[in-house]
Amino acid sequence: MPPRKMDQEKLRAALDGQLVALDEPAYDGPASALPDALVAAVLAAYDRGLQPERDAARMAVRHLLDRLASAAPGRTVEVRVPPYAAVQAIEGPRHTRGTPPNVVEMDGRTWIELALGRLTWDEAMTEGAVRASGSRADLSGYLPL
């Protein structure tokens, strides 16, 4: 499944909103780099001890979840990052009804740090930052993105 195309205007507005909150100038780079610039801005907010802007965090999480779904297509594991987004990924037996047997859930900061390699799967599990259930709910082989 190809990643969903994010609305460039909404993406730019979310990025610029996050940059304003960080007291930084508006983004002036290429449109193709908007998603990664947004992820960097959200991570900068976390690094400064700030809560990122809601739209910026949502779009950053969504972008990285879409990258996971593209890198590991399938419907065996549901990866949830409430309240922002969820995707199904990883090849294997498909779940169709009810609660999926393989679920991974974490907060936005943890997901971003895992996706970028700033946090390892083992560290996140040891810290209790990830809740994973099911025999296939180990994302370590797919991270960092």
C-alpha atoms as a PDB file:
ATOM      1  CA  MET A   1       0.000   0.000   0.000  1.00  0.00           C
ATOM      2  CA  PRO A   2       1.576   3.315  -1.026  1.00  0.00           C
ATOM      3  CA  PRO A   3       1.741   6.018   1.626  1.00  0.00           C
ATOM      4  CA  ARG A   4      -1.164   8.400   1.606  1.00  0.00           C
ATOM      5  CA  LYS A   5      -0.401  11.741   0.001  1.00  0.00           C
ATOM      6  CA  MET A   6      -0.399  14.477   2.597  1.00  0.00           C
ATOM      7  CA  ASP A   7      -1.982  17.805   1.714  1.00  0.00           C
ATOM      8  CA  GLN A   8       1.019  20.063   1.069  1.00  0.00           C
ATOM      9  CA  GLU A   9      -0.749  23.219   2.280  1.00  0.00           C
ATOM     10  CA  LYS A  10      -1.783  21.603   5.564  1.00  0.00           C
ATOM     11  CA  LEU A  11       1.673  20.136   5.957  1.00  0.00           C
ATOM     12  CA  ARG A  12       3.332  23.505   5.406  1.00  0.00           C
ATOM     13  CA  ALA A  13       0.876  25.230   7.774  1.00  0.00           C
ATOM     14  CA  ALA A  14       1.563  22.638  10.490  1.00  0.00           C
ATOM     15  CA  LEU A  15       5.318  22.954   9.990  1.00  0.00           C
ATOM     16  CA  ASP A  16       5.251  26.745  10.055  1.00  0.00           C
ATOM     17  CA  GLY A  17       3.040  26.666  13.157  1.00  0.00           C
ATOM     18  CA  GLN A  18       5.550  24.422  14.894  1.00  0.00           C
ATOM     19  CA  LEU A  19       8.454  26.599  13.800  1.00  0.00           C
ATOM     20  CA  VAL A  20       6.711  29.718  15.148  1.00  0.00           C
ATOM     21  CA  ALA A  21       6.180  27.908  18.465  1.00  0.00           C
ATOM     22  CA  LEU A  22       9.922  27.154  18.465  1.00  0.00           C
ATOM     23  CA  ASP A  23      10.681  30.813  17.699  1.00  0.00           C
ATOM     24  CA  GLU A  24      12.266  29.846  14.382  1.00  0.00           C
ATOM     25  CA  PRO A  25      11.711  31.266  10.875  1.00  0.00           C
ATOM     26  CA  ALA A  26       9.157  29.779   8.495  1.00  0.00           C
ATOM     27  CA  TYR A  27      10.229  26.865   6.312  1.00  0.00           C
ATOM     28  CA  ASP A  28      11.700  27.882   2.956  1.00  0.00           C
ATOM     29  CA  GLY A  29      12.963  24.540   1.652  1.00  0.00           C
ATOM     30  CA  PRO A  30      11.614  22.311  -1.107  1.00  0.00           C
ATOM     31  CA  ALA A  31       8.118  20.848  -0.887  1.00  0.00           C
ATOM     32  CA  SER A  32       9.554  17.335  -1.186  1.00  0.00           C
ATOM     33  CA  ALA A  33      11.353  17.777   2.147  1.00  0.00           C
ATOM     34  CA  LEU A  34       8.314  19.102   4.057  1.00  0.00           C
ATOM     35  CA  PRO A  35       7.468  15.834   5.883  1.00  0.00           C
ATOM     36  CA  ASP A  36      11.015  15.295   7.124  1.00  0.00           C
ATOM     37  CA  ALA A  37      11.331  18.962   8.126  1.00  0.00           C
ATOM     38  CA  LEU A  38       8.092  18.591  10.089  1.00  0.00           C
ATOM     39  CA  VAL A  39       9.391  15.503  11.887  1.00  0.00           C
ATOM     40  CA  ALA A  40      12.580  17.399  12.769  1.00  0.00           C
ATOM     41  CA  ALA A  41      10.594  20.380  14.091  1.00  0.00           C
ATOM     42  CA  VAL A  42       8.385  18.156  16.264  1.00  0.00           C
ATOM     43  CA  LEU A  43      11.451  16.370  17.595  1.00  0.00           C
ATOM     44  CA  ALA A  44      13.056  19.757  18.336  1.00  0.00           C
ATOM     45  CA  ALA A  45       9.992  20.681  20.403  1.00  0.00           C
ATOM     46  CA  TYR A  46      10.292  17.457  22.400  1.00  0.00           C
ATOM     47  CA  ASP A  47      14.033  18.005  22.846  1.00  0.00           C
ATOM     48  CA  ARG A  48      13.355  21.467  24.272  1.00  0.00           C
ATOM     49  CA  GLY A  49      10.884  20.053  26.771  1.00  0.00           C
ATOM     50  CA  LEU A  50       7.891  21.496  24.893  1.00  0.00           C
ATOM     51  CA  GLN A  51       4.675  19.864  23.828  1.00  0.00           C
ATOM     52  CA  PRO A  52       4.616  19.998  20.004  1.00  0.00           C
ATOM     53  CA  GLU A  53       1.741  21.653  18.191  1.00  0.00           C
ATOM     54  CA  ARG A  54      -1.069  19.110  17.807  1.00  0.00           C
ATOM     55  CA  ASP A  55      -1.347  19.278  13.999  1.00  0.00           C
ATOM     56  CA  ALA A  56       2.421  19.091  13.612  1.00  0.00           C
ATOM     57  CA  ALA A  57       2.693  16.057  15.893  1.00  0.00           C
ATOM     58  CA  ARG A  58      -0.221  14.320  14.170  1.00  0.00           C
ATOM     59  CA  MET A  59       1.231  14.813  10.713  1.00  0.00           C
ATOM     60  CA  ALA A  60       4.744  13.813  11.776  1.00  0.00           C
ATOM     61  CA  VAL A  61       3.451  10.606  13.364  1.00  0.00           C
ATOM     62  CA  ARG A  62       1.274   9.871  10.334  1.00  0.00           C
ATOM     63  CA  HIS A  63       4.199  10.390   7.955  1.00  0.00           C
ATOM     64  CA  LEU A  64       6.399   7.954   9.865  1.00  0.00           C
ATOM     65  CA  LEU A  65       3.614   5.384  10.219  1.00  0.00           C
ATOM     66  CA  ASP A  66       3.040   5.571   6.468  1.00  0.00           C
ATOM     67  CA  ARG A  67       6.750   4.954   5.928  1.00  0.00           C
ATOM     68  CA  LEU A  68       6.522   1.847   8.127  1.00  0.00           C
ATOM     69  CA  ALA A  69       3.483   0.599   6.193  1.00  0.00           C
ATOM     70  CA  SER A  70       5.371   1.127   2.930  1.00  0.00           C
ATOM     71  CA  ALA A  71       8.533  -0.576   4.178  1.00  0.00           C
ATOM     72  CA  ALA A  72       6.658  -3.494   5.766  1.00  0.00           C
ATOM     73  CA  PRO A  73       3.383  -3.889   3.868  1.00  0.00           C
ATOM     74  CA  GLY A  74       0.773  -6.222   5.277  1.00  0.00           C
ATOM     75  CA  ARG A  75      -2.032  -6.404   7.790  1.00  0.00           C
ATOM     76  CA  THR A  76      -0.661  -8.629  10.539  1.00  0.00           C
ATOM     77  CA  VAL A  77       0.315  -5.994  13.120  1.00  0.00           C
ATOM     78  CA  GLU A  78      -1.636  -2.904  14.058  1.00  0.00           C
ATOM     79  CA  VAL A  79       0.628  -0.060  15.173  1.00  0.00           C
ATOM     80  CA  ARG A  80      -1.248   2.545  17.208  1.00  0.00           C
ATOM     81  CA  VAL A  81      -0.029   5.980  18.238  1.00  0.00           C
ATOM     82  CA  PRO A  82      -3.013   7.529  20.007  1.00  0.00           C
ATOM     83  CA  PRO A  83      -4.483  10.037  19.571  1.00  0.00           C
ATOM     84  CA  TYR A  84      -2.774  10.611  16.234  1.00  0.00           C
ATOM     85  CA  ALA A  85      -3.003   7.580  13.953  1.00  0.00           C
ATOM     86  CA  ALA A  86      -2.767   3.829  13.462  1.00  0.00           C
ATOM     87  CA  VAL A  87      -1.694   1.585  10.588  1.00  0.00           C
ATOM     88  CA  GLN A  88      -1.653  -2.079   9.805  1.00  0.00           C
ATOM     89  CA  ALA A  89       1.660  -3.416   8.574  1.00  0.00           C
ATOM     90  CA  ILE A  90       3.884  -6.476   8.270  1.00  0.00           C
ATOM     91  CA  GLU A  91       3.205  -9.440   6.042  1.00  0.00           C
ATOM     92  CA  GLY A  92       1.573 -12.528   7.497  1.00  0.00           C
ATOM     93  CA  PRO A  93      -1.846 -13.767   8.537  1.00  0.00           C
ATOM     94  CA  ARG A  94      -4.433 -11.059   8.013  1.00  0.00           C
ATOM     95  CA  HIS A  95      -6.738  -9.915  10.748  1.00  0.00           C
ATOM     96  CA  THR A  96     -10.262  -8.939   9.628  1.00  0.00           C
ATOM     97  CA  ARG A  97     -12.606  -8.509  12.601  1.00  0.00           C
ATOM     98  CA  GLY A  98     -12.427  -7.433  16.207  1.00  0.00           C
ATOM     99  CA  THR A  99      -9.257  -6.614  18.076  1.00  0.00           C
ATOM    100  CA  PRO A 100      -6.158  -7.601  16.103  1.00  0.00           C
ATOM    101  CA  PRO A 101      -4.052 -10.339  17.723  1.00  0.00           C
ATOM    102  CA  ASN A 102      -0.836  -8.347  17.194  1.00  0.00           C
ATOM    103  CA  VAL A 103      -0.968  -4.794  18.510  1.00  0.00           C
ATOM    104  CA  VAL A 104       1.783  -2.295  19.233  1.00  0.00           C
ATOM    105  CA  GLU A 105       0.899   0.956  20.987  1.00  0.00           C
ATOM    106  CA  MET A 106       2.970   3.922  22.114  1.00  0.00           C
ATOM    107  CA  ASP A 107       2.905   7.699  22.426  1.00  0.00           C
ATOM    108  CA  GLY A 108       3.962  10.067  19.670  1.00  0.00           C
ATOM    109  CA  ARG A 109       7.386  10.903  21.015  1.00  0.00           C
ATOM    110  CA  THR A 110       8.299   7.252  21.451  1.00  0.00           C
ATOM    111  CA  TRP A 111       7.178   6.450  17.902  1.00  0.00           C
ATOM    112  CA  ILE A 112       9.187   9.300  16.396  1.00  0.00           C
ATOM    113  CA  GLU A 113      12.296   8.360  18.363  1.00  0.00           C
ATOM    114  CA  LEU A 114      11.949   4.680  17.409  1.00  0.00           C
ATOM    115  CA  ALA A 115      11.355   5.505  13.749  1.00  0.00           C
ATOM    116  CA  LEU A 116      14.436   7.733  13.621  1.00  0.00           C
ATOM    117  CA  GLY A 117      16.671   5.373  15.575  1.00  0.00           C
ATOM    118  CA  ARG A 118      17.099   7.635  18.597  1.00  0.00           C
ATOM    119  CA  LEU A 119      15.557   4.896  20.726  1.00  0.00           C
ATOM    120  CA  THR A 120      15.910   1.157  20.191  1.00  0.00           C
ATOM    121  CA  TRP A 121      13.052  -1.307  20.399  1.00  0.00           C
ATOM    122  CA  ASP A 122      14.693  -3.026  23.379  1.00  0.00           C
ATOM    123  CA  GLU A 123      15.158   0.285  25.218  1.00  0.00           C
ATOM    124  CA  ALA A 124      11.531   1.253  24.599  1.00  0.00           C
ATOM    125  CA  MET A 125      10.293  -2.128  25.822  1.00  0.00           C
ATOM    126  CA  THR A 126      12.525  -2.039  28.908  1.00  0.00           C
ATOM    127  CA  GLU A 127      11.314   1.474  29.753  1.00  0.00           C
ATOM    128  CA  GLY A 128       7.684   0.414  29.309  1.00  0.00           C
ATOM    129  CA  ALA A 129       7.218   3.034  26.594  1.00  0.00           C
ATOM    130  CA  VAL A 130       5.759   0.458  24.189  1.00  0.00           C
ATOM    131  CA  ARG A 131       2.891  -1.921  24.805  1.00  0.00           C
ATOM    132  CA  ALA A 132       3.101  -4.896  22.464  1.00  0.00           C
ATOM    133  CA  SER A 133       0.922  -7.987  22.392  1.00  0.00           C
ATOM    134  CA  GLY A 134       0.941 -10.929  20.047  1.00  0.00           C
ATOM    135  CA  SER A 135       3.604 -13.207  18.647  1.00  0.00           C
ATOM    136  CA  ARG A 136       4.388 -10.871  15.717  1.00  0.00           C
ATOM    137  CA  ALA A 137       4.281  -7.581  17.620  1.00  0.00           C
ATOM    138  CA  ASP A 138       8.028  -6.970  17.550  1.00  0.00           C
ATOM    139  CA  LEU A 139       9.010  -4.079  15.279  1.00  0.00           C
ATOM    140  CA  SER A 140      12.738  -4.270  15.970  1.00  0.00           C
ATOM    141  CA  GLY A 141      13.463  -5.712  12.526  1.00  0.00           C
ATOM    142  CA  TYR A 142      11.752  -2.766  10.820  1.00  0.00           C
ATOM    143  CA  LEU A 143      13.251   0.086  12.830  1.00  0.00           C
ATOM    144  CA  PRO A 144      14.725   2.575  12.378  1.00  0.00           C
ATOM    145  CA  LEU A 145      12.952   3.525   9.173  1.00  0.00           C
END
